[in-house]
Amino acid sequence: MAPAWWRQQVQYAPQEPVLLNGTLAENIRMANPDLPDAALDQIVRSVGLTRFLASTPKGLDTLVNDGGRTLSLGVRRRLALARALATGGNLVILDEPTEGLDADGVAAVHALLHEMAGLGRTVIVVTLDPAILRGVHAMLNLGVKPRPELTLRRPGQSQAPMEATNVQRH
């Protein structure tokens, strides 16, 4: 398997994003250096970074220092999500994507998850966000002992909390 090809298949945003010293644009384009400007602008809008960028004198040319630790957690998470989206991969893995975000950021994440699912992407989210949990097709609860519990939502089932089918694998 070619590692470069595989990296392009995965959209990953970690719980604790670390940014590189460079511009905001370079941090977003890190996974896809050939990302066109129009696609970059669309990604920035979709993760809700437009207002933040408008408040900085240099916009996407703003320099990131100290691994991004001078930026708020919400901005770092949005930048990590933008970096993940830049790959356009079919496997989306997000770790606590709404933690530390304001209401606009949370709404942007929820809209993106809905969009990714609609595009047929495989979406794996590690979260405690009840709004995300209401929209899932399957949930693996690792807090159930001695074995994790897999809960599936039947096709066509309402978006109510999942209590549909519990599957225990031995």
N, C-alpha and C. Protein backbone atom coordinates (compact mmCIF):
# COMPACT_ATOMS: atom_id res chain seq x y z
N MET A 1 0.84 -1.17 0.00
CA MET A 1 0.00 0.00 0.00
C MET A 1 0.89 1.25 0.00
N ALA A 2 0.52 2.23 -0.75
CA ALA A 2 1.28 3.47 -0.85
C ALA A 2 0.84 4.42 0.27
N PRO A 3 1.74 4.79 1.19
CA PRO A 3 1.36 5.65 2.31
C PRO A 3 0.77 6.99 1.87
N ALA A 4 1.29 7.58 0.82
CA ALA A 4 0.76 8.87 0.36
C ALA A 4 -0.69 8.72 -0.09
N TRP A 5 -1.00 7.64 -0.80
CA TRP A 5 -2.38 7.40 -1.23
C TRP A 5 -3.28 7.21 -0.02
N TRP A 6 -2.83 6.42 0.95
CA TRP A 6 -3.65 6.15 2.14
C TRP A 6 -3.93 7.44 2.91
N ARG A 7 -2.92 8.30 3.08
CA ARG A 7 -3.13 9.56 3.80
C ARG A 7 -4.18 10.42 3.12
N GLN A 8 -4.29 10.33 1.80
CA GLN A 8 -5.30 11.10 1.08
C GLN A 8 -6.71 10.53 1.26
N GLN A 9 -6.82 9.32 1.76
CA GLN A 9 -8.13 8.70 1.96
C GLN A 9 -8.75 9.01 3.32
N VAL A 10 -7.94 9.57 4.23
CA VAL A 10 -8.39 9.79 5.61
C VAL A 10 -8.49 11.28 5.91
N GLN A 11 -9.63 11.65 6.48
CA GLN A 11 -9.81 12.99 7.03
C GLN A 11 -9.79 12.82 8.55
N TYR A 12 -8.75 13.32 9.21
CA TYR A 12 -8.58 13.09 10.64
C TYR A 12 -8.39 14.41 11.38
N ALA A 13 -9.18 14.62 12.42
CA ALA A 13 -9.02 15.78 13.28
C ALA A 13 -8.90 15.28 14.71
N PRO A 14 -7.72 15.44 15.32
CA PRO A 14 -7.51 14.93 16.68
C PRO A 14 -8.16 15.81 17.74
N GLN A 15 -8.27 15.24 18.94
CA GLN A 15 -8.84 15.99 20.06
C GLN A 15 -7.92 17.15 20.46
N GLU A 16 -6.64 16.93 20.43
CA GLU A 16 -5.67 17.97 20.79
C GLU A 16 -4.87 18.36 19.55
N PRO A 17 -5.40 19.26 18.73
CA PRO A 17 -4.70 19.61 17.50
C PRO A 17 -3.39 20.35 17.77
N VAL A 18 -2.39 19.99 17.00
CA VAL A 18 -1.10 20.68 17.04
C VAL A 18 -0.87 21.26 15.65
N LEU A 19 -0.55 22.52 15.64
CA LEU A 19 -0.32 23.20 14.37
C LEU A 19 1.17 23.39 14.16
N LEU A 20 1.55 23.54 12.91
CA LEU A 20 2.94 23.77 12.57
C LEU A 20 3.24 25.26 12.56
N ASN A 21 4.48 25.63 12.82
CA ASN A 21 4.87 27.03 12.69
C ASN A 21 4.87 27.35 11.19
N GLY A 22 4.05 28.27 10.82
CA GLY A 22 3.84 28.66 9.42
C GLY A 22 2.56 29.46 9.36
N THR A 23 2.03 29.68 8.19
CA THR A 23 0.79 30.44 8.07
C THR A 23 -0.41 29.54 8.32
N LEU A 24 -1.56 30.16 8.55
CA LEU A 24 -2.79 29.39 8.70
C LEU A 24 -3.07 28.60 7.42
N ALA A 25 -2.87 29.22 6.27
CA ALA A 25 -3.09 28.53 5.00
C ALA A 25 -2.18 27.32 4.86
N GLU A 26 -0.92 27.46 5.24
CA GLU A 26 0.02 26.33 5.16
C GLU A 26 -0.41 25.19 6.09
N ASN A 27 -0.95 25.54 7.25
CA ASN A 27 -1.42 24.52 8.17
C ASN A 27 -2.61 23.77 7.59
N ILE A 28 -3.52 24.46 6.94
CA ILE A 28 -4.67 23.79 6.34
C ILE A 28 -4.24 22.96 5.14
N ARG A 29 -3.33 23.49 4.33
CA ARG A 29 -2.90 22.79 3.12
C ARG A 29 -1.86 21.69 3.38
N MET A 30 -1.47 21.50 4.63
CA MET A 30 -0.42 20.54 4.94
C MET A 30 -0.72 19.15 4.36
N ALA A 31 -1.94 18.70 4.44
CA ALA A 31 -2.29 17.37 3.93
C ALA A 31 -2.54 17.36 2.43
N ASN A 32 -2.70 18.54 1.85
CA ASN A 32 -2.98 18.63 0.42
C ASN A 32 -2.40 19.95 -0.11
N PRO A 33 -1.08 20.00 -0.37
CA PRO A 33 -0.43 21.25 -0.79
C PRO A 33 -0.99 21.83 -2.08
N ASP A 34 -1.62 21.00 -2.92
CA ASP A 34 -2.14 21.47 -4.20
C ASP A 34 -3.60 21.92 -4.12
N LEU A 35 -4.13 22.08 -2.92
CA LEU A 35 -5.52 22.50 -2.75
C LEU A 35 -5.73 23.86 -3.40
N PRO A 36 -6.66 23.95 -4.35
CA PRO A 36 -6.91 25.24 -5.01
C PRO A 36 -7.45 26.29 -4.03
N ASP A 37 -7.21 27.55 -4.32
CA ASP A 37 -7.67 28.63 -3.45
C ASP A 37 -9.18 28.60 -3.25
N ALA A 38 -9.94 28.31 -4.29
CA ALA A 38 -11.40 28.27 -4.17
C ALA A 38 -11.83 27.17 -3.19
N ALA A 39 -11.17 26.02 -3.24
CA ALA A 39 -11.49 24.93 -2.30
C ALA A 39 -11.09 25.32 -0.88
N LEU A 40 -9.96 25.98 -0.74
CA LEU A 40 -9.52 26.45 0.58
C LEU A 40 -10.55 27.42 1.16
N ASP A 41 -11.02 28.35 0.36
CA ASP A 41 -12.04 29.31 0.82
C ASP A 41 -13.32 28.60 1.24
N GLN A 42 -13.73 27.60 0.48
CA GLN A 42 -14.95 26.85 0.83
C GLN A 42 -14.76 26.10 2.16
N ILE A 43 -13.61 25.51 2.35
CA ILE A 43 -13.33 24.79 3.60
C ILE A 43 -13.35 25.76 4.78
N VAL A 44 -12.72 26.91 4.61
CA VAL A 44 -12.69 27.93 5.67
C VAL A 44 -14.12 28.33 6.06
N ARG A 45 -14.98 28.51 5.08
CA ARG A 45 -16.38 28.85 5.36
C ARG A 45 -17.09 27.70 6.07
N SER A 46 -16.86 26.48 5.60
CA SER A 46 -17.59 25.33 6.14
C SER A 46 -17.22 25.02 7.59
N VAL A 47 -16.01 25.35 8.02
CA VAL A 47 -15.63 25.10 9.41
C VAL A 47 -15.85 26.33 10.29
N GLY A 48 -16.37 27.40 9.71
CA GLY A 48 -16.69 28.58 10.50
C GLY A 48 -15.51 29.43 10.91
N LEU A 49 -14.48 29.49 10.08
CA LEU A 49 -13.30 30.31 10.39
C LEU A 49 -13.36 31.72 9.82
N THR A 50 -14.40 32.04 9.07
CA THR A 50 -14.46 33.31 8.36
C THR A 50 -14.39 34.50 9.32
N ARG A 51 -15.17 34.46 10.40
CA ARG A 51 -15.18 35.59 11.34
C ARG A 51 -13.81 35.75 12.00
N PHE A 52 -13.19 34.65 12.39
CA PHE A 52 -11.86 34.73 13.00
C PHE A 52 -10.87 35.34 12.01
N LEU A 53 -10.87 34.87 10.77
CA LEU A 53 -9.92 35.38 9.79
C LEU A 53 -10.14 36.86 9.50
N ALA A 54 -11.40 37.29 9.54
CA ALA A 54 -11.70 38.71 9.31
C ALA A 54 -11.15 39.58 10.45
N SER A 55 -10.97 38.99 11.64
CA SER A 55 -10.46 39.74 12.78
C SER A 55 -8.94 39.79 12.84
N THR A 56 -8.28 39.07 11.94
CA THR A 56 -6.82 39.08 11.93
C THR A 56 -6.35 39.93 10.75
N PRO A 57 -5.32 40.74 10.95
CA PRO A 57 -4.87 41.63 9.87
C PRO A 57 -4.42 40.90 8.61
N LYS A 58 -3.86 39.71 8.76
CA LYS A 58 -3.30 39.01 7.60
C LYS A 58 -4.15 37.83 7.14
N GLY A 59 -5.30 37.58 7.76
CA GLY A 59 -6.17 36.49 7.32
C GLY A 59 -5.45 35.15 7.30
N LEU A 60 -5.53 34.45 6.18
CA LEU A 60 -4.89 33.14 6.05
C LEU A 60 -3.36 33.22 6.05
N ASP A 61 -2.82 34.42 5.89
CA ASP A 61 -1.37 34.59 5.93
C ASP A 61 -0.86 34.86 7.36
N THR A 62 -1.77 34.79 8.34
CA THR A 62 -1.38 34.95 9.74
C THR A 62 -0.43 33.83 10.14
N LEU A 63 0.64 34.20 10.81
CA LEU A 63 1.63 33.21 11.23
C LEU A 63 1.18 32.50 12.51
N VAL A 64 1.43 31.20 12.53
CA VAL A 64 1.19 30.37 13.70
C VAL A 64 2.53 30.12 14.35
N ASN A 65 2.61 30.34 15.65
CA ASN A 65 3.84 30.08 16.40
C ASN A 65 3.53 29.15 17.56
N ASP A 66 4.56 28.55 18.11
CA ASP A 66 4.45 27.72 19.31
C ASP A 66 3.39 26.63 19.15
N GLY A 67 3.32 26.02 17.96
CA GLY A 67 2.39 24.92 17.72
C GLY A 67 0.93 25.34 17.78
N GLY A 68 0.66 26.64 17.71
CA GLY A 68 -0.71 27.12 17.74
C GLY A 68 -1.25 27.34 19.14
N ARG A 69 -0.41 27.17 20.16
CA ARG A 69 -0.89 27.29 21.53
C ARG A 69 -1.37 28.70 21.89
N THR A 70 -0.99 29.68 21.10
CA THR A 70 -1.46 31.05 21.36
C THR A 70 -2.88 31.27 20.83
N LEU A 71 -3.37 30.35 20.05
CA LEU A 71 -4.73 30.42 19.52
C LEU A 71 -5.68 29.72 20.48
N SER A 72 -6.94 30.13 20.48
CA SER A 72 -7.92 29.47 21.34
C SER A 72 -8.11 28.02 20.89
N LEU A 73 -8.58 27.19 21.81
CA LEU A 73 -8.85 25.78 21.47
C LEU A 73 -9.85 25.69 20.33
N GLY A 74 -10.88 26.53 20.35
CA GLY A 74 -11.88 26.51 19.30
C GLY A 74 -11.30 26.79 17.92
N VAL A 75 -10.40 27.76 17.83
CA VAL A 75 -9.76 28.08 16.55
C VAL A 75 -8.85 26.93 16.13
N ARG A 76 -8.08 26.38 17.07
CA ARG A 76 -7.21 25.25 16.73
C ARG A 76 -8.03 24.07 16.23
N ARG A 77 -9.17 23.78 16.86
CA ARG A 77 -10.01 22.67 16.41
C ARG A 77 -10.56 22.92 15.01
N ARG A 78 -10.98 24.15 14.75
CA ARG A 78 -11.50 24.49 13.42
C ARG A 78 -10.40 24.36 12.37
N LEU A 79 -9.19 24.78 12.71
CA LEU A 79 -8.07 24.64 11.78
C LEU A 79 -7.75 23.17 11.53
N ALA A 80 -7.78 22.36 12.57
CA ALA A 80 -7.53 20.92 12.40
C ALA A 80 -8.62 20.28 11.55
N LEU A 81 -9.85 20.71 11.75
CA LEU A 81 -10.95 20.18 10.93
C LEU A 81 -10.79 20.64 9.49
N ALA A 82 -10.38 21.88 9.28
CA ALA A 82 -10.14 22.37 7.91
C ALA A 82 -9.02 21.57 7.25
N ARG A 83 -7.96 21.28 8.00
CA ARG A 83 -6.86 20.47 7.47
C ARG A 83 -7.36 19.09 7.08
N ALA A 84 -8.21 18.51 7.92
CA ALA A 84 -8.76 17.18 7.62
C ALA A 84 -9.60 17.23 6.34
N LEU A 85 -10.43 18.24 6.21
CA LEU A 85 -11.30 18.36 5.03
C LEU A 85 -10.49 18.55 3.75
N ALA A 86 -9.31 19.12 3.87
CA ALA A 86 -8.49 19.40 2.69
C ALA A 86 -8.10 18.12 1.95
N THR A 87 -8.08 16.98 2.62
CA THR A 87 -7.70 15.74 1.92
C THR A 87 -8.83 15.25 1.02
N GLY A 88 -10.08 15.50 1.42
CA GLY A 88 -11.21 15.01 0.63
C GLY A 88 -11.38 13.50 0.71
N GLY A 89 -10.77 12.87 1.71
CA GLY A 89 -10.81 11.41 1.84
C GLY A 89 -12.18 10.85 2.16
N ASN A 90 -12.30 9.54 2.00
CA ASN A 90 -13.58 8.86 2.21
C ASN A 90 -13.77 8.33 3.62
N LEU A 91 -12.73 8.35 4.45
CA LEU A 91 -12.82 7.92 5.84
C LEU A 91 -12.60 9.14 6.71
N VAL A 92 -13.62 9.51 7.48
CA VAL A 92 -13.57 10.70 8.33
C VAL A 92 -13.49 10.24 9.78
N ILE A 93 -12.43 10.66 10.49
CA ILE A 93 -12.26 10.30 11.90
C ILE A 93 -12.08 11.59 12.68
N LEU A 94 -13.02 11.83 13.60
CA LEU A 94 -13.00 13.05 14.39
C LEU A 94 -13.04 12.69 15.86
N ASP A 95 -12.13 13.25 16.63
CA ASP A 95 -12.05 13.00 18.06
C ASP A 95 -12.53 14.24 18.81
N GLU A 96 -13.69 14.13 19.46
CA GLU A 96 -14.31 15.24 20.20
C GLU A 96 -14.33 16.53 19.38
N PRO A 97 -14.97 16.50 18.22
CA PRO A 97 -14.90 17.65 17.31
C PRO A 97 -15.61 18.91 17.80
N THR A 98 -16.55 18.80 18.75
CA THR A 98 -17.28 19.98 19.21
C THR A 98 -16.78 20.54 20.54
N GLU A 99 -15.87 19.83 21.18
CA GLU A 99 -15.35 20.29 22.47
C GLU A 99 -14.60 21.61 22.29
N GLY A 100 -14.92 22.59 23.12
CA GLY A 100 -14.23 23.87 23.08
C GLY A 100 -14.74 24.82 22.00
N LEU A 101 -15.79 24.44 21.29
CA LEU A 101 -16.32 25.30 20.23
C LEU A 101 -17.50 26.12 20.74
N ASP A 102 -17.67 27.30 20.18
CA ASP A 102 -18.86 28.09 20.48
C ASP A 102 -20.04 27.52 19.69
N ALA A 103 -21.21 28.11 19.87
CA ALA A 103 -22.42 27.60 19.23
C ALA A 103 -22.29 27.56 17.71
N ASP A 104 -21.66 28.58 17.11
CA ASP A 104 -21.47 28.58 15.66
C ASP A 104 -20.56 27.44 15.22
N GLY A 105 -19.50 27.19 15.98
CA GLY A 105 -18.58 26.10 15.66
C GLY A 105 -19.26 24.74 15.77
N VAL A 106 -20.06 24.57 16.81
CA VAL A 106 -20.79 23.31 16.99
C VAL A 106 -21.75 23.10 15.82
N ALA A 107 -22.45 24.15 15.43
CA ALA A 107 -23.38 24.05 14.30
C ALA A 107 -22.63 23.70 13.02
N ALA A 108 -21.44 24.27 12.83
CA ALA A 108 -20.64 23.96 11.63
C ALA A 108 -20.24 22.49 11.62
N VAL A 109 -19.82 21.97 12.78
CA VAL A 109 -19.43 20.55 12.86
C VAL A 109 -20.63 19.66 12.56
N HIS A 110 -21.77 19.95 13.15
CA HIS A 110 -22.96 19.13 12.91
C HIS A 110 -23.35 19.14 11.43
N ALA A 111 -23.28 20.32 10.80
CA ALA A 111 -23.60 20.41 9.37
C ALA A 111 -22.59 19.61 8.54
N LEU A 112 -21.32 19.68 8.90
CA LEU A 112 -20.30 18.92 8.17
C LEU A 112 -20.51 17.42 8.32
N LEU A 113 -20.85 16.97 9.52
CA LEU A 113 -21.10 15.53 9.72
C LEU A 113 -22.27 15.07 8.87
N HIS A 114 -23.31 15.87 8.84
CA HIS A 114 -24.48 15.53 8.01
C HIS A 114 -24.09 15.49 6.53
N GLU A 115 -23.29 16.45 6.11
CA GLU A 115 -22.84 16.49 4.72
C GLU A 115 -21.98 15.28 4.38
N MET A 116 -21.04 14.94 5.25
CA MET A 116 -20.16 13.79 5.01
C MET A 116 -20.96 12.50 4.91
N ALA A 117 -21.91 12.32 5.81
CA ALA A 117 -22.75 11.12 5.75
C ALA A 117 -23.54 11.09 4.45
N GLY A 118 -24.04 12.25 4.03
CA GLY A 118 -24.79 12.33 2.78
C GLY A 118 -23.95 12.04 1.56
N LEU A 119 -22.66 12.29 1.65
CA LEU A 119 -21.74 12.00 0.54
C LEU A 119 -21.30 10.54 0.53
N GLY A 120 -21.78 9.76 1.51
CA GLY A 120 -21.43 8.35 1.56
C GLY A 120 -20.08 8.07 2.20
N ARG A 121 -19.53 9.06 2.91
CA ARG A 121 -18.26 8.85 3.58
C ARG A 121 -18.48 8.01 4.84
N THR A 122 -17.49 7.24 5.20
CA THR A 122 -17.52 6.53 6.46
C THR A 122 -17.05 7.51 7.52
N VAL A 123 -17.89 7.76 8.52
CA VAL A 123 -17.61 8.76 9.54
C VAL A 123 -17.52 8.07 10.90
N ILE A 124 -16.38 8.23 11.55
CA ILE A 124 -16.17 7.70 12.90
C ILE A 124 -15.93 8.91 13.79
N VAL A 125 -16.77 9.04 14.83
CA VAL A 125 -16.65 10.18 15.73
C VAL A 125 -16.53 9.65 17.16
N VAL A 126 -15.50 10.10 17.85
CA VAL A 126 -15.35 9.84 19.28
C VAL A 126 -15.92 11.08 19.96
N THR A 127 -17.03 10.90 20.70
CA THR A 127 -17.69 12.08 21.25
C THR A 127 -18.57 11.76 22.45
N LEU A 128 -18.83 12.79 23.22
CA LEU A 128 -19.83 12.75 24.28
C LEU A 128 -20.95 13.73 23.95
N ASP A 129 -20.89 14.36 22.79
CA ASP A 129 -21.89 15.35 22.36
C ASP A 129 -23.21 14.65 22.07
N PRO A 130 -24.25 14.89 22.88
CA PRO A 130 -25.52 14.19 22.68
C PRO A 130 -26.16 14.49 21.32
N ALA A 131 -25.94 15.67 20.77
CA ALA A 131 -26.52 16.00 19.46
C ALA A 131 -25.91 15.13 18.37
N ILE A 132 -24.62 14.85 18.45
CA ILE A 132 -23.98 13.96 17.47
C ILE A 132 -24.49 12.54 17.67
N LEU A 133 -24.60 12.12 18.92
CA LEU A 133 -25.04 10.75 19.21
C LEU A 133 -26.45 10.49 18.68
N ARG A 134 -27.31 11.51 18.69
CA ARG A 134 -28.68 11.32 18.18
C ARG A 134 -28.71 11.03 16.68
N GLY A 135 -27.69 11.46 15.95
CA GLY A 135 -27.70 11.29 14.51
C GLY A 135 -26.94 10.11 13.97
N VAL A 136 -26.41 9.24 14.84
CA VAL A 136 -25.57 8.16 14.36
C VAL A 136 -26.37 6.94 13.92
N HIS A 137 -25.76 6.12 13.09
CA HIS A 137 -26.37 4.88 12.63
C HIS A 137 -25.96 3.72 13.51
N ALA A 138 -24.79 3.83 14.11
CA ALA A 138 -24.30 2.78 15.00
C ALA A 138 -23.44 3.45 16.07
N MET A 139 -23.51 2.91 17.29
CA MET A 139 -22.72 3.45 18.38
C MET A 139 -22.05 2.31 19.12
N LEU A 140 -20.75 2.44 19.31
CA LEU A 140 -19.98 1.48 20.09
C LEU A 140 -19.66 2.15 21.42
N ASN A 141 -20.28 1.66 22.49
CA ASN A 141 -20.09 2.21 23.83
C ASN A 141 -19.00 1.43 24.52
N LEU A 142 -17.83 2.03 24.67
CA LEU A 142 -16.69 1.37 25.30
C LEU A 142 -16.77 1.41 26.82
N GLY A 143 -17.78 2.12 27.36
CA GLY A 143 -17.93 2.23 28.81
C GLY A 143 -18.72 1.09 29.42
N VAL A 144 -19.21 0.17 28.62
CA VAL A 144 -19.97 -0.96 29.13
C VAL A 144 -19.00 -2.10 29.41
N LYS A 145 -19.06 -2.64 30.60
CA LYS A 145 -18.15 -3.70 31.00
C LYS A 145 -18.92 -5.01 31.17
N PRO A 146 -18.42 -6.16 30.90
CA PRO A 146 -17.03 -6.41 30.54
C PRO A 146 -16.77 -6.27 29.05
N ARG A 147 -17.81 -6.15 28.22
CA ARG A 147 -17.63 -6.02 26.77
C ARG A 147 -18.29 -4.74 26.28
N PRO A 148 -17.68 -4.07 25.32
CA PRO A 148 -18.34 -2.91 24.72
C PRO A 148 -19.68 -3.30 24.12
N GLU A 149 -20.57 -2.32 24.04
CA GLU A 149 -21.91 -2.56 23.52
C GLU A 149 -22.07 -1.84 22.18
N LEU A 150 -22.48 -2.58 21.17
CA LEU A 150 -22.76 -2.02 19.85
C LEU A 150 -24.26 -1.84 19.72
N THR A 151 -24.68 -0.62 19.44
CA THR A 151 -26.10 -0.32 19.27
C THR A 151 -26.30 0.16 17.84
N LEU A 152 -27.25 -0.45 17.15
CA LEU A 152 -27.53 -0.10 15.75
C LEU A 152 -28.90 0.55 15.65
N ARG A 153 -29.01 1.49 14.73
CA ARG A 153 -30.31 2.09 14.43
C ARG A 153 -30.81 1.44 13.15
N ARG A 154 -32.03 0.98 13.18
CA ARG A 154 -32.62 0.35 12.00
C ARG A 154 -32.85 1.41 10.92
N PRO A 155 -32.73 1.02 9.64
CA PRO A 155 -33.02 1.97 8.56
C PRO A 155 -34.43 2.53 8.71
N GLY A 156 -34.54 3.86 8.54
CA GLY A 156 -35.84 4.50 8.63
C GLY A 156 -36.26 4.82 10.05
N GLN A 157 -35.48 4.42 11.05
CA GLN A 157 -35.83 4.70 12.44
C GLN A 157 -35.69 6.19 12.70
N SER A 158 -36.46 6.71 13.61
CA SER A 158 -36.43 8.14 13.92
C SER A 158 -35.07 8.53 14.49
N GLN A 159 -34.86 9.81 14.61
CA GLN A 159 -33.61 10.33 15.15
C GLN A 159 -33.62 10.39 16.67
N ALA A 160 -34.58 9.73 17.31
CA ALA A 160 -34.63 9.69 18.77
C ALA A 160 -33.40 8.98 19.31
N PRO A 161 -33.13 9.12 20.61
CA PRO A 161 -31.97 8.42 21.16
C PRO A 161 -32.00 6.94 20.84
N MET A 162 -30.82 6.39 20.60
CA MET A 162 -30.72 5.01 20.15
C MET A 162 -31.00 4.02 21.27
N GLU A 163 -32.02 3.23 21.08
CA GLU A 163 -32.32 2.12 21.97
C GLU A 163 -32.81 0.96 21.14
N ALA A 164 -32.46 0.97 19.87
CA ALA A 164 -33.05 0.04 18.92
C ALA A 164 -32.58 -1.38 19.09
N THR A 165 -31.46 -1.69 18.52
CA THR A 165 -30.98 -3.07 18.51
C THR A 165 -29.62 -3.12 19.17
N ASN A 166 -29.51 -3.84 20.25
CA ASN A 166 -28.21 -4.00 20.90
C ASN A 166 -27.61 -5.32 20.43
N VAL A 167 -26.39 -5.25 19.98
CA VAL A 167 -25.72 -6.43 19.46
C VAL A 167 -24.52 -6.70 20.34
N GLN A 168 -24.48 -7.85 20.97
CA GLN A 168 -23.33 -8.24 21.79
C GLN A 168 -22.55 -9.29 21.02
N ARG A 169 -21.30 -9.03 20.79
CA ARG A 169 -20.44 -9.99 20.11
C ARG A 169 -19.57 -10.66 21.17
N HIS A 170 -19.47 -11.97 21.10
CA HIS A 170 -18.68 -12.70 22.08
C HIS A 170 -17.43 -13.25 21.46
